[in-house]
Structure formats: C-alpha cells, structure tokens
Amino acid sequence: MLRPAEPRPADTVALGLLQGPAELLPVSSTAHIELLGARLAGYARLSAAGRKELAVALHAGSALALGAPRRERLGLLAAATAPAALAGLLLEGPIERRLSAPAAMAAGLLAGSVALVVADRRPQRRIASEAEFEDAVWLGLAQAAALAPGISRSGAVRAAARARGFTRAAAAELAAETAVPVLAGATVLKGARLLGRRPPRRELVALGAGALAAAASTAAARAAARRAEPPFAVWAAYRTALAAAVLAVRHNGRR
C-alpha cells in the first residue's frame, strides 16, 4: 500500500512566505496558495486532506503573528466570529465539494472585486475604535461569506466595513483584528484532527516550518499595510487578473 505524500519543508516555507500578505490583503490567500502550489511538485502530490492540514499550519502562523485580541474588544470579536464559526460547522463539507473548483474560485474573486469597488464609494468618516455591535454582526456575516474560495476573508471584511462608513485604514485594521479568532478557531479544530492521526515527525517539522514562515510574513505584511491603503479599485484589478490566472492554470492543466 502506497504511503500518502508528505509536505516538503522547502514547499511549506515558500507557501508560508506567501501566506502573510495574501491573508491580510484583500486578495484571497486560498487562490494564491493554490496557484503557487500548482508549481511546487511536493504540494501537487499532496492529498486533499494533506493540503488542508498545511493550510491549518499556515493559518496558525498568521494567528500567532497577529497576537491575542484586546480584552475590551472581546465582545465585538465574538459577534464578528459567530456567523463564520456557525457557517463553517454547518457548511464546510458542501462548500468543499461544490465550490473548490477553479471556476468557482475565479467567480469568488470577481464577485469580491465588485463588492470592494461598490463599497469604496461610501464616505470615509469612521475609525476602527468606533465599531459597535451592529458593525460586528455585519463583519461576521462577511466572514461567513468568505468561506467560499476566492471571496477573501480580508476582502469581505474590508468591503463590509467600508460599506458602513469606515475609512480604508480602519477597514484594514478591522480585517486584521477579526482574523485572530477565526484563524485561531480553525487552527484548534483542525489541528486536533491532525494530531489525532499521529503524523510522522518529519511531517510535523515541515508543517512547523511553514507555520513559522507564515508568522514572519504576516508580521511583515501587517507592518507594511499600515503605511498606505490604496483605493479598492487597485485590489479589484489585481483580483481580476488573478481570476484570469486561475482559469488559465485550469485550462493548461486539462491540455
């Protein structure tokens, strides 16, 4: 019986370095990981379960870099996390079965682009500290929608925040802040499944290397993102090009 392929440290580090900026920026980390992964022989040989476990490790690294949430914001973060957590528990299987294809991912990228551009037309008048319970609920619904590949959790939260009048900088801050419980929750849930099957030490080393690379790239990306926030049309254009790349890779893979 053939043993399932294991992740290679070189691949997990490369993907971890990509994870940080792709997670914090409104560009879909899933799409980026899949595109780069298609070029990495080790990643391409992984099973669907193996890719999911690697994604958990990368998310764990990002959560580590973002740090613990502030105590006074726990209520807001709980409201912003509950919709995504509930949707994940109920819809994880159907989403993976029906929306994991490249065409669905490209559609998610384009839909998120439209949402970003439309939301960015709102006046910029609110800062992140002004977020209230109602705002948190909308951000939570946005995070739930982002369970569909290509939508982008950061992109959905930024669009929702801008639609409610927050500045671009505030929207980016809220996107990073609301990421912590979502990433941490996914890490705990799926990490327990990983440890339950007792993977070999070399696999844990490879996943750990990816997590550390993701932590480093996330910290660097957050520091860079605080310096400037371009109009959302810039991200929309990038996402549209990324959707085209996803479809091109799919087309070439069929040839």
Protein backbone atom coordinates (compact mmCIF):
# COMPACT_ATOMS: atom_id res chain seq x y z
CA MET A 1 0.00 0.00 0.00
CA LEU A 2 1.44 3.35 -1.03
CA ARG A 3 2.02 5.89 1.72
CA PRO A 4 0.39 9.30 1.20
CA ALA A 5 2.71 12.09 0.08
CA GLU A 6 4.09 14.33 2.81
CA PRO A 7 4.75 18.09 2.62
CA ARG A 8 8.33 19.16 1.97
CA PRO A 9 9.90 21.89 4.13
CA ALA A 10 11.01 23.88 1.07
CA ASP A 11 7.43 23.95 -0.22
CA THR A 12 5.83 24.79 3.11
CA VAL A 13 8.28 27.66 3.69
CA ALA A 14 7.59 29.09 0.22
CA LEU A 15 3.86 28.89 0.82
CA GLY A 16 4.25 30.33 4.32
CA LEU A 17 6.07 33.37 2.97
CA LEU A 18 3.16 33.93 0.60
CA GLN A 19 0.53 33.33 3.28
CA GLY A 20 1.10 36.54 5.27
CA PRO A 21 0.43 39.19 2.62
CA ALA A 22 -2.22 37.05 0.93
CA GLU A 23 -4.08 36.66 4.24
CA LEU A 24 -4.01 40.30 5.29
CA LEU A 25 -4.59 41.88 1.89
CA PRO A 26 -7.99 41.57 0.14
CA VAL A 27 -6.69 39.17 -2.50
CA SER A 28 -7.63 35.61 -1.34
CA SER A 29 -4.93 33.56 0.32
CA THR A 30 -6.58 30.35 -0.93
CA ALA A 31 -6.22 31.37 -4.57
CA HIS A 32 -2.58 32.35 -4.09
CA ILE A 33 -1.68 29.17 -2.25
CA GLU A 34 -3.31 27.04 -4.94
CA LEU A 35 -1.61 28.94 -7.76
CA LEU A 36 1.86 28.69 -6.23
CA GLY A 37 1.18 25.16 -5.07
CA ALA A 38 0.46 24.11 -8.63
CA ARG A 39 4.09 24.99 -9.40
CA LEU A 40 5.51 23.00 -6.48
CA ALA A 41 5.89 19.30 -7.15
CA GLY A 42 5.65 18.35 -3.48
CA TYR A 43 2.43 20.29 -2.91
CA ALA A 44 0.87 18.97 -6.10
CA ARG A 45 1.30 15.40 -4.80
CA LEU A 46 -0.48 16.07 -1.53
CA SER A 47 -3.94 14.66 -0.97
CA ALA A 48 -6.87 16.99 -0.32
CA ALA A 49 -6.52 16.20 3.40
CA GLY A 50 -2.79 16.94 3.27
CA ARG A 51 -3.40 20.32 1.66
CA LYS A 52 -6.00 21.13 4.27
CA GLU A 53 -3.55 20.28 7.06
CA LEU A 54 -0.94 22.52 5.50
CA ALA A 55 -3.49 25.33 5.27
CA VAL A 56 -4.16 24.90 9.00
CA ALA A 57 -0.43 25.22 9.74
CA LEU A 58 -0.18 28.39 7.66
CA HIS A 59 -3.23 29.89 9.36
CA ALA A 60 -1.75 29.03 12.74
CA GLY A 61 1.37 31.00 11.84
CA SER A 62 -0.70 34.01 10.81
CA ALA A 63 -2.73 33.87 14.02
CA LEU A 64 0.48 33.72 16.05
CA ALA A 65 1.83 36.84 14.34
CA LEU A 66 -1.39 38.81 14.81
CA GLY A 67 -1.33 38.20 18.56
CA ALA A 68 -4.03 37.99 21.19
CA PRO A 69 -7.05 40.30 20.89
CA ARG A 70 -7.51 43.20 23.29
CA ARG A 71 -9.73 42.39 26.25
CA GLU A 72 -12.04 45.35 25.70
CA ARG A 73 -12.75 44.13 22.15
CA LEU A 74 -13.67 40.54 23.02
CA GLY A 75 -17.42 41.14 22.83
CA LEU A 76 -17.16 42.75 19.41
CA LEU A 77 -14.89 39.98 18.15
CA ALA A 78 -17.26 37.32 19.42
CA ALA A 79 -20.10 38.87 17.44
CA ALA A 80 -17.86 39.11 14.37
CA THR A 81 -16.77 35.48 14.69
CA ALA A 82 -20.02 33.68 15.49
CA PRO A 83 -21.55 33.77 11.96
CA ALA A 84 -18.39 32.43 10.35
CA ALA A 85 -17.97 29.75 13.01
CA LEU A 86 -21.58 28.58 12.63
CA ALA A 87 -21.40 28.62 8.84
CA GLY A 88 -18.13 26.69 8.94
CA LEU A 89 -19.57 23.97 11.14
CA LEU A 90 -22.69 23.58 9.03
CA LEU A 91 -21.37 24.17 5.52
CA GLU A 92 -17.71 23.11 5.47
CA GLY A 93 -18.45 19.87 3.63
CA PRO A 94 -20.83 21.26 0.97
CA ILE A 95 -18.52 24.21 0.31
CA GLU A 96 -15.50 21.95 -0.21
CA ARG A 97 -17.45 19.63 -2.50
CA ARG A 98 -19.19 22.25 -4.64
CA LEU A 99 -17.08 25.42 -4.54
CA SER A 100 -13.49 24.19 -4.62
CA ALA A 101 -13.19 24.07 -8.42
CA PRO A 102 -11.07 26.75 -10.17
CA ALA A 103 -14.13 28.21 -11.92
CA ALA A 104 -15.87 28.75 -8.58
CA MET A 105 -12.72 30.32 -7.13
CA ALA A 106 -12.44 32.69 -10.09
CA ALA A 107 -16.09 33.63 -9.66
CA GLY A 108 -15.45 34.37 -5.99
CA LEU A 109 -12.53 36.60 -6.90
CA LEU A 110 -14.66 38.58 -9.35
CA ALA A 111 -17.63 38.86 -7.00
CA GLY A 112 -15.36 40.13 -4.24
CA SER A 113 -13.89 42.68 -6.64
CA VAL A 114 -17.31 44.10 -7.38
CA ALA A 115 -18.12 44.30 -3.65
CA LEU A 116 -14.88 46.15 -2.94
CA VAL A 117 -15.39 48.75 -5.67
CA VAL A 118 -19.03 49.40 -4.75
CA ALA A 119 -18.30 49.67 -1.02
CA ASP A 120 -15.37 52.02 -1.60
CA ARG A 121 -17.76 54.67 -2.93
CA ARG A 122 -19.04 55.31 0.59
CA PRO A 123 -17.73 58.35 2.53
CA GLN A 124 -14.78 57.68 4.82
CA ARG A 125 -15.88 59.02 8.20
CA ARG A 126 -15.40 56.37 10.91
CA ILE A 127 -12.34 54.91 12.66
CA ALA A 128 -11.90 51.34 13.92
CA SER A 129 -12.45 52.20 17.59
CA GLU A 130 -15.98 53.37 16.72
CA ALA A 131 -17.08 49.87 15.71
CA GLU A 132 -20.21 48.74 17.57
CA PHE A 133 -22.18 45.50 17.93
CA GLU A 134 -24.19 46.05 14.75
CA ASP A 135 -20.99 46.64 12.81
CA ALA A 136 -19.53 43.43 14.25
CA VAL A 137 -22.54 41.43 13.06
CA TRP A 138 -22.08 42.70 9.52
CA LEU A 139 -18.37 41.91 9.65
CA GLY A 140 -19.24 38.43 10.89
CA LEU A 141 -21.64 37.87 8.00
CA ALA A 142 -18.89 39.00 5.64
CA GLN A 143 -16.51 36.47 7.16
CA ALA A 144 -19.13 33.75 6.74
CA ALA A 145 -19.49 34.64 3.05
CA ALA A 146 -15.72 34.40 2.70
CA LEU A 147 -15.84 30.66 3.39
CA ALA A 148 -16.42 30.39 -0.35
CA PRO A 149 -12.97 30.16 -2.00
CA GLY A 150 -11.87 33.31 -3.81
CA ILE A 151 -14.05 35.72 -1.87
CA SER A 152 -11.20 36.52 0.58
CA ARG A 153 -11.89 36.96 4.28
CA SER A 154 -9.92 40.21 4.39
CA GLY A 155 -11.62 41.47 1.23
CA ALA A 156 -15.11 40.67 2.51
CA VAL A 157 -14.49 42.36 5.87
CA ARG A 158 -12.96 45.43 4.24
CA ALA A 159 -15.92 45.75 1.88
CA ALA A 160 -18.40 45.40 4.75
CA ALA A 161 -16.50 47.94 6.85
CA ARG A 162 -16.29 50.47 4.03
CA ALA A 163 -19.99 49.99 3.31
CA ARG A 164 -20.63 51.06 6.90
CA GLY A 165 -18.57 54.22 6.51
CA PHE A 166 -15.21 53.19 7.96
CA THR A 167 -12.07 54.59 6.38
CA ARG A 168 -9.85 52.32 4.30
CA ALA A 169 -7.25 52.25 7.07
CA ALA A 170 -9.95 51.40 9.63
CA ALA A 171 -11.32 48.67 7.36
CA ALA A 172 -7.84 47.14 7.10
CA GLU A 173 -7.43 47.30 10.87
CA LEU A 174 -10.79 45.63 11.44
CA ALA A 175 -9.94 42.94 8.90
CA ALA A 176 -6.71 42.11 10.75
CA GLU A 177 -8.39 42.25 14.16
CA THR A 178 -11.27 39.96 13.24
CA ALA A 179 -8.87 37.48 11.65
CA VAL A 180 -7.42 36.39 15.01
CA PRO A 181 -10.35 34.40 16.45
CA VAL A 182 -11.27 32.92 13.07
CA LEU A 183 -7.74 31.72 12.35
CA ALA A 184 -7.23 30.54 15.93
CA GLY A 185 -10.52 28.65 15.95
CA ALA A 186 -9.76 26.89 12.68
CA THR A 187 -6.30 26.00 13.98
CA VAL A 188 -7.62 24.44 17.17
CA LEU A 189 -10.40 22.49 15.45
CA LYS A 190 -8.45 21.13 12.52
CA GLY A 191 -5.17 20.93 14.40
CA ALA A 192 -6.81 18.47 16.80
CA ARG A 193 -7.76 16.30 13.84
CA LEU A 194 -4.18 16.41 12.58
CA LEU A 195 -2.68 15.36 15.90
CA GLY A 196 -5.34 12.68 16.24
CA ARG A 197 -3.87 10.75 13.34
CA ARG A 198 -0.33 11.00 14.79
CA PRO A 199 1.65 12.17 11.74
CA PRO A 200 5.35 11.30 11.48
CA ARG A 201 7.91 13.70 12.90
CA ARG A 202 9.23 14.84 9.52
CA GLU A 203 5.73 15.89 8.50
CA LEU A 204 5.31 17.90 11.69
CA VAL A 205 8.69 19.55 11.04
CA ALA A 206 7.59 20.56 7.54
CA LEU A 207 4.29 21.93 8.81
CA GLY A 208 6.07 23.78 11.61
CA ALA A 209 8.48 25.36 9.13
CA GLY A 210 5.52 26.58 7.09
CA ALA A 211 3.84 27.99 10.19
CA LEU A 212 6.97 29.92 11.20
CA ALA A 213 7.37 31.31 7.68
CA ALA A 214 3.70 32.36 7.71
CA ALA A 215 4.16 34.07 11.07
CA ALA A 216 7.15 36.03 9.77
CA SER A 217 5.45 37.06 6.53
CA THR A 218 2.24 38.01 8.34
CA ALA A 219 4.12 40.27 10.76
CA ALA A 220 5.98 41.93 7.89
CA ALA A 221 2.81 42.34 5.81
CA ARG A 222 0.91 43.93 8.69
CA ALA A 223 3.67 46.47 9.27
CA ALA A 224 3.76 47.35 5.56
CA ALA A 225 -0.03 47.54 5.20
CA ARG A 226 -0.30 50.19 7.91
CA ARG A 227 1.69 52.66 5.83
CA ALA A 228 -0.79 53.13 2.98
CA GLU A 229 -4.17 51.92 1.83
CA PRO A 230 -4.79 52.33 -1.92
CA PRO A 231 -8.27 52.69 -3.43
CA PHE A 232 -10.08 49.37 -3.56
CA ALA A 233 -10.16 49.57 -7.35
CA VAL A 234 -6.46 48.64 -7.23
CA TRP A 235 -7.25 45.41 -5.40
CA ALA A 236 -10.19 44.75 -7.71
CA ALA A 237 -7.93 44.99 -10.76
CA TYR A 238 -5.41 42.66 -9.17
CA ARG A 239 -8.13 40.16 -8.25
CA THR A 240 -9.49 40.21 -11.79
CA ALA A 241 -6.03 39.37 -13.15
CA LEU A 242 -5.73 36.63 -10.52
CA ALA A 243 -9.07 35.15 -11.60
CA ALA A 244 -7.78 35.03 -15.17
CA ALA A 245 -4.62 33.28 -13.95
CA VAL A 246 -6.66 30.69 -12.04
CA LEU A 247 -8.70 29.91 -15.16
CA ALA A 248 -5.56 29.78 -17.30
CA VAL A 249 -3.93 27.27 -14.96
CA ARG A 250 -7.11 25.19 -15.07
CA HIS A 251 -7.16 25.30 -18.87
CA ASN A 252 -3.48 24.35 -19.18
CA GLY A 253 -3.95 21.53 -16.70
CA ARG A 254 -6.59 19.98 -18.95
CA ARG A 255 -4.39 20.02 -22.03
